[in-house]
Amino acid sequence: MSQENLAKTRWLVVADVVTAALVGVAQAAERAISIRGEFHIVLAGGNTPKALYERLTNLETDWSCWHIWYGDERCLPADDINRNSHMATQAWLANCPIPATHIHTIHAERGAEIAAADYAEQLQQVEMFDLVLLGLGEDGHTASLFPDQFDPDNPAAAIAVHNAPKPPADRVSLTVRCLNGTRAALFLVTGAGKRDAVAAWQRGDPIPAAAIAVKTGVDVLLEPVCVKENV
């Protein structure tokens, strides 16, 4: 991770990550819709984003302007409960009037290679995201970009991931380059198990999460238990 990237990373320790993220998403949506008439958001998987999505159902906004994208997906049947798209649908998308044509699913059930190529083509519809939501794994991974397996300079938009250290082994992920094509990036980090990954990031270790670099800077929402003392 470059010192420039590290300097543009804002570590925001908050009592309630979900509430803080809700405010961030609402503000980003309002700004994008008022300026450009549409809001392109990239979703993350995981329990903390799920809690956020459940609360987004009650957001007062013009849902017709929203476009939903996914940062990664697992190569499982479309209705598998471990799919990110399934989780987001059940927690939120099935309960709000975002047009179906604005929900851009990764069809990972077709296989990683085919799904990655298909999603790369879909991504040509958007010049730049307005907000990318991301999580942080205990090993420092984000989306399905894992240590020792990702290329921060890959020019593609979406890639097939094989031999992932977490099941399932086959996945589809947006690349660093694609994720960095956003006006704002927001990490949601909860749990004491993330302390080592956060410390590595703050030291400047080259973990995948640290490769996310946005011109406006990256915001990392952290629970107090995620931060080691004297780091």
Protein backbone atom coordinates (compact mmCIF):
# COMPACT_ATOMS: atom_id res chain seq x y z
CA MET A 1 0.00 0.00 0.00
CA SER A 2 1.38 3.39 -0.94
CA GLN A 3 1.76 6.09 1.69
CA GLU A 4 -0.52 8.25 -0.45
CA ASN A 5 -3.30 5.66 -0.21
CA LEU A 6 -2.76 5.30 3.52
CA ALA A 7 -2.93 9.07 4.01
CA LYS A 8 -6.28 9.16 2.21
CA THR A 9 -7.78 6.44 4.41
CA ARG A 10 -10.05 7.85 7.13
CA TRP A 11 -10.37 5.59 10.19
CA LEU A 12 -13.75 6.38 11.73
CA VAL A 13 -14.29 4.62 15.07
CA VAL A 14 -18.03 4.65 15.80
CA ALA A 15 -20.30 3.08 18.39
CA ASP A 16 -22.71 1.74 15.75
CA VAL A 17 -21.27 0.89 12.34
CA VAL A 18 -24.65 0.12 10.79
CA THR A 19 -26.19 3.45 11.81
CA ALA A 20 -23.13 5.35 10.56
CA ALA A 21 -23.22 3.43 7.28
CA LEU A 22 -26.94 4.16 6.88
CA VAL A 23 -26.22 7.87 7.13
CA GLY A 24 -23.38 7.56 4.63
CA VAL A 25 -25.48 5.68 2.08
CA ALA A 26 -28.40 8.11 2.44
CA GLN A 27 -26.14 11.12 1.91
CA ALA A 28 -24.40 9.57 -1.09
CA ALA A 29 -27.74 8.67 -2.68
CA GLU A 30 -29.20 12.12 -2.14
CA ARG A 31 -26.11 13.79 -3.58
CA ALA A 32 -25.92 11.54 -6.64
CA ILE A 33 -29.60 11.78 -7.45
CA SER A 34 -29.63 15.57 -7.10
CA ILE A 35 -26.59 15.97 -9.35
CA ARG A 36 -26.89 13.14 -11.89
CA GLY A 37 -30.40 11.77 -11.50
CA GLU A 38 -29.18 8.25 -10.65
CA PHE A 39 -27.31 6.45 -7.90
CA HIS A 40 -25.01 3.48 -8.57
CA ILE A 41 -24.10 1.51 -5.44
CA VAL A 42 -21.96 -1.64 -5.13
CA LEU A 43 -23.09 -4.02 -2.40
CA ALA A 44 -20.98 -6.15 -0.07
CA GLY A 45 -21.87 -9.47 1.51
CA GLY A 46 -21.77 -10.35 5.21
CA ASN A 47 -23.81 -9.95 8.38
CA THR A 48 -23.06 -6.28 8.97
CA PRO A 49 -24.10 -5.24 5.44
CA LYS A 50 -27.21 -7.41 5.89
CA ALA A 51 -28.18 -5.36 8.94
CA LEU A 52 -27.65 -2.21 6.90
CA TYR A 53 -29.79 -3.47 4.03
CA GLU A 54 -32.64 -4.31 6.39
CA ARG A 55 -32.67 -0.70 7.58
CA LEU A 56 -32.41 0.73 4.06
CA THR A 57 -35.91 -0.60 3.38
CA ASN A 58 -37.33 2.38 5.29
CA LEU A 59 -35.16 5.02 3.63
CA GLU A 60 -37.03 7.92 2.05
CA THR A 61 -35.56 8.24 -1.43
CA ASP A 62 -36.43 8.01 -5.10
CA TRP A 63 -35.84 4.29 -5.59
CA SER A 64 -36.36 4.60 -9.34
CA CYS A 65 -32.94 6.29 -9.51
CA TRP A 66 -31.05 3.50 -7.76
CA HIS A 67 -28.84 0.96 -9.55
CA ILE A 68 -27.59 -2.06 -7.62
CA TRP A 69 -24.27 -3.76 -8.34
CA TYR A 70 -22.37 -6.47 -6.49
CA GLY A 71 -18.72 -6.47 -5.46
CA ASP A 72 -18.51 -10.25 -5.62
CA GLU A 73 -20.56 -13.42 -5.74
CA ARG A 74 -20.19 -17.09 -4.88
CA CYS A 75 -20.62 -19.72 -7.57
CA LEU A 76 -23.69 -21.34 -6.09
CA PRO A 77 -27.26 -21.85 -7.32
CA ALA A 78 -29.15 -18.56 -7.71
CA ASP A 79 -31.45 -19.35 -4.77
CA ASP A 80 -28.71 -20.53 -2.41
CA ILE A 81 -28.92 -18.73 0.93
CA ASN A 82 -25.15 -18.17 0.86
CA ARG A 83 -25.35 -16.03 -2.26
CA ASN A 84 -24.81 -12.30 -1.69
CA SER A 85 -27.62 -11.54 -4.11
CA HIS A 86 -30.00 -13.82 -2.23
CA MET A 87 -29.14 -12.17 1.08
CA ALA A 88 -29.58 -8.64 -0.29
CA THR A 89 -32.88 -9.57 -1.93
CA GLN A 90 -34.35 -11.10 1.21
CA ALA A 91 -33.09 -8.34 3.51
CA TRP A 92 -33.95 -5.38 1.31
CA LEU A 93 -34.44 -5.50 -2.43
CA ALA A 94 -37.64 -7.57 -2.41
CA ASN A 95 -39.19 -4.95 -0.16
CA CYS A 96 -38.51 -1.75 -2.08
CA PRO A 97 -39.51 -0.55 -5.57
CA ILE A 98 -36.12 -0.44 -7.29
CA PRO A 99 -36.84 -1.34 -10.94
CA ALA A 100 -35.84 -4.93 -11.68
CA THR A 101 -33.76 -3.75 -14.64
CA HIS A 102 -31.69 -1.65 -12.22
CA ILE A 103 -30.59 -4.66 -10.17
CA HIS A 104 -27.48 -6.03 -11.83
CA THR A 105 -26.94 -9.58 -10.60
CA ILE A 106 -23.76 -11.59 -11.08
CA HIS A 107 -24.98 -14.86 -12.61
CA ALA A 108 -22.35 -16.92 -10.82
CA GLU A 109 -24.47 -20.05 -11.09
CA ARG A 110 -23.26 -20.22 -14.70
CA GLY A 111 -19.66 -20.74 -13.60
CA ALA A 112 -16.95 -18.27 -12.64
CA GLU A 113 -15.46 -17.69 -16.10
CA ILE A 114 -18.75 -17.15 -17.92
CA ALA A 115 -20.23 -15.06 -15.12
CA ALA A 116 -17.17 -12.81 -14.92
CA ALA A 117 -17.25 -12.14 -18.66
CA ASP A 118 -20.99 -11.47 -18.53
CA TYR A 119 -20.66 -9.06 -15.62
CA ALA A 120 -17.77 -7.22 -17.23
CA GLU A 121 -20.11 -6.58 -20.15
CA GLN A 122 -22.89 -5.37 -17.83
CA LEU A 123 -20.45 -3.03 -16.13
CA GLN A 124 -19.94 -1.15 -19.37
CA GLN A 125 -23.29 0.50 -18.61
CA VAL A 126 -21.83 2.57 -15.77
CA GLU A 127 -19.03 5.09 -16.15
CA MET A 128 -18.38 5.42 -12.42
CA PHE A 129 -19.99 4.11 -9.25
CA ASP A 130 -21.27 6.59 -6.68
CA LEU A 131 -20.60 4.39 -3.64
CA VAL A 132 -18.83 1.08 -3.09
CA LEU A 133 -19.58 -0.81 0.11
CA LEU A 134 -16.90 -3.24 1.25
CA GLY A 135 -16.06 -5.50 4.15
CA LEU A 136 -12.74 -6.63 5.61
CA GLY A 137 -11.85 -10.26 6.19
CA GLU A 138 -9.65 -11.42 9.04
CA ASP A 139 -6.96 -12.15 6.45
CA GLY A 140 -7.29 -8.67 4.95
CA HIS A 141 -9.37 -9.69 1.94
CA THR A 142 -12.17 -7.59 0.54
CA ALA A 143 -14.83 -8.60 -2.00
CA SER A 144 -13.34 -11.91 -3.22
CA LEU A 145 -9.83 -10.51 -3.55
CA PHE A 146 -7.68 -12.69 -1.30
CA PRO A 147 -4.06 -12.29 -0.18
CA ASP A 148 -1.51 -13.83 -2.57
CA GLN A 149 -4.26 -14.40 -5.14
CA PHE A 150 -5.14 -10.93 -6.43
CA ASP A 151 -3.48 -8.68 -8.95
CA PRO A 152 -4.00 -5.00 -8.05
CA ASP A 153 -3.13 -4.03 -11.62
CA ASN A 154 -5.50 -6.40 -13.42
CA PRO A 155 -7.13 -4.28 -16.16
CA ALA A 156 -10.34 -6.33 -16.25
CA ALA A 157 -13.54 -5.21 -14.57
CA ALA A 158 -14.60 -8.61 -13.21
CA ILE A 159 -12.61 -11.80 -12.74
CA ALA A 160 -13.13 -15.47 -12.04
CA VAL A 161 -11.70 -16.51 -8.67
CA HIS A 162 -10.67 -20.11 -8.09
CA ASN A 163 -9.21 -21.84 -5.04
CA ALA A 164 -10.56 -19.22 -2.65
CA PRO A 165 -9.41 -19.99 0.90
CA LYS A 166 -13.01 -19.71 2.09
CA PRO A 167 -15.74 -21.93 0.62
CA PRO A 168 -16.96 -21.99 -2.03
CA ALA A 169 -13.68 -22.09 -3.90
CA ASP A 170 -15.13 -20.60 -7.08
CA ARG A 171 -16.32 -17.00 -7.11
CA VAL A 172 -16.62 -13.87 -9.21
CA SER A 173 -15.19 -10.57 -8.02
CA LEU A 174 -14.84 -7.03 -9.22
CA THR A 175 -11.18 -6.11 -9.59
CA VAL A 176 -9.26 -3.45 -7.70
CA ARG A 177 -9.37 -1.25 -10.78
CA CYS A 178 -13.13 -1.58 -11.07
CA LEU A 179 -13.79 -1.04 -7.35
CA ASN A 180 -11.60 2.06 -7.44
CA GLY A 181 -13.82 3.52 -10.16
CA THR A 182 -16.10 5.14 -7.62
CA ARG A 183 -16.79 8.54 -6.16
CA ALA A 184 -16.76 7.11 -2.62
CA ALA A 185 -15.79 3.89 -0.86
CA LEU A 186 -17.06 2.81 2.54
CA PHE A 187 -15.75 -0.16 4.55
CA LEU A 188 -17.92 -1.67 7.28
CA VAL A 189 -15.69 -3.40 9.87
CA THR A 190 -17.03 -5.08 13.00
CA GLY A 191 -15.80 -7.65 15.51
CA ALA A 192 -12.60 -8.15 17.50
CA GLY A 193 -11.51 -10.76 14.97
CA LYS A 194 -10.67 -7.94 12.56
CA ARG A 195 -8.05 -6.33 14.84
CA ASP A 196 -5.03 -7.92 13.18
CA ALA A 197 -6.26 -7.06 9.69
CA VAL A 198 -6.92 -3.45 10.70
CA ALA A 199 -3.47 -3.22 12.31
CA ALA A 200 -1.84 -4.63 9.17
CA TRP A 201 -3.71 -2.10 7.05
CA GLN A 202 -2.69 0.79 9.29
CA ARG A 203 0.94 -0.36 9.17
CA GLY A 204 0.83 -0.16 5.41
CA ASP A 205 0.98 -3.92 4.75
CA PRO A 206 -0.09 -4.82 1.18
CA ILE A 207 -3.36 -6.55 2.05
CA PRO A 208 -6.10 -6.54 -0.61
CA ALA A 209 -8.27 -4.03 1.27
CA ALA A 210 -5.41 -1.54 1.23
CA ALA A 211 -5.41 -1.55 -2.58
CA ILE A 212 -8.75 0.25 -2.61
CA ALA A 213 -7.83 3.85 -3.36
CA VAL A 214 -10.29 6.57 -4.31
CA LYS A 215 -9.36 10.16 -5.20
CA THR A 216 -11.67 11.46 -2.50
CA GLY A 217 -10.27 9.00 0.05
CA VAL A 218 -11.61 5.83 1.64
CA ASP A 219 -13.80 5.82 4.76
CA VAL A 220 -13.43 2.87 7.14
CA LEU A 221 -16.15 2.54 9.79
CA LEU A 222 -14.78 0.61 12.76
CA GLU A 223 -16.16 -0.67 16.02
CA PRO A 224 -13.89 0.21 18.96
CA VAL A 225 -13.06 -3.49 19.45
CA CYS A 226 -11.52 -3.57 15.97
CA VAL A 227 -8.70 -1.23 16.92
CA LYS A 228 -5.62 -2.29 18.86
CA GLU A 229 -4.12 0.15 21.29
CA ASN A 230 -0.87 1.83 20.33
CA VAL A 231 -1.27 1.01 16.62
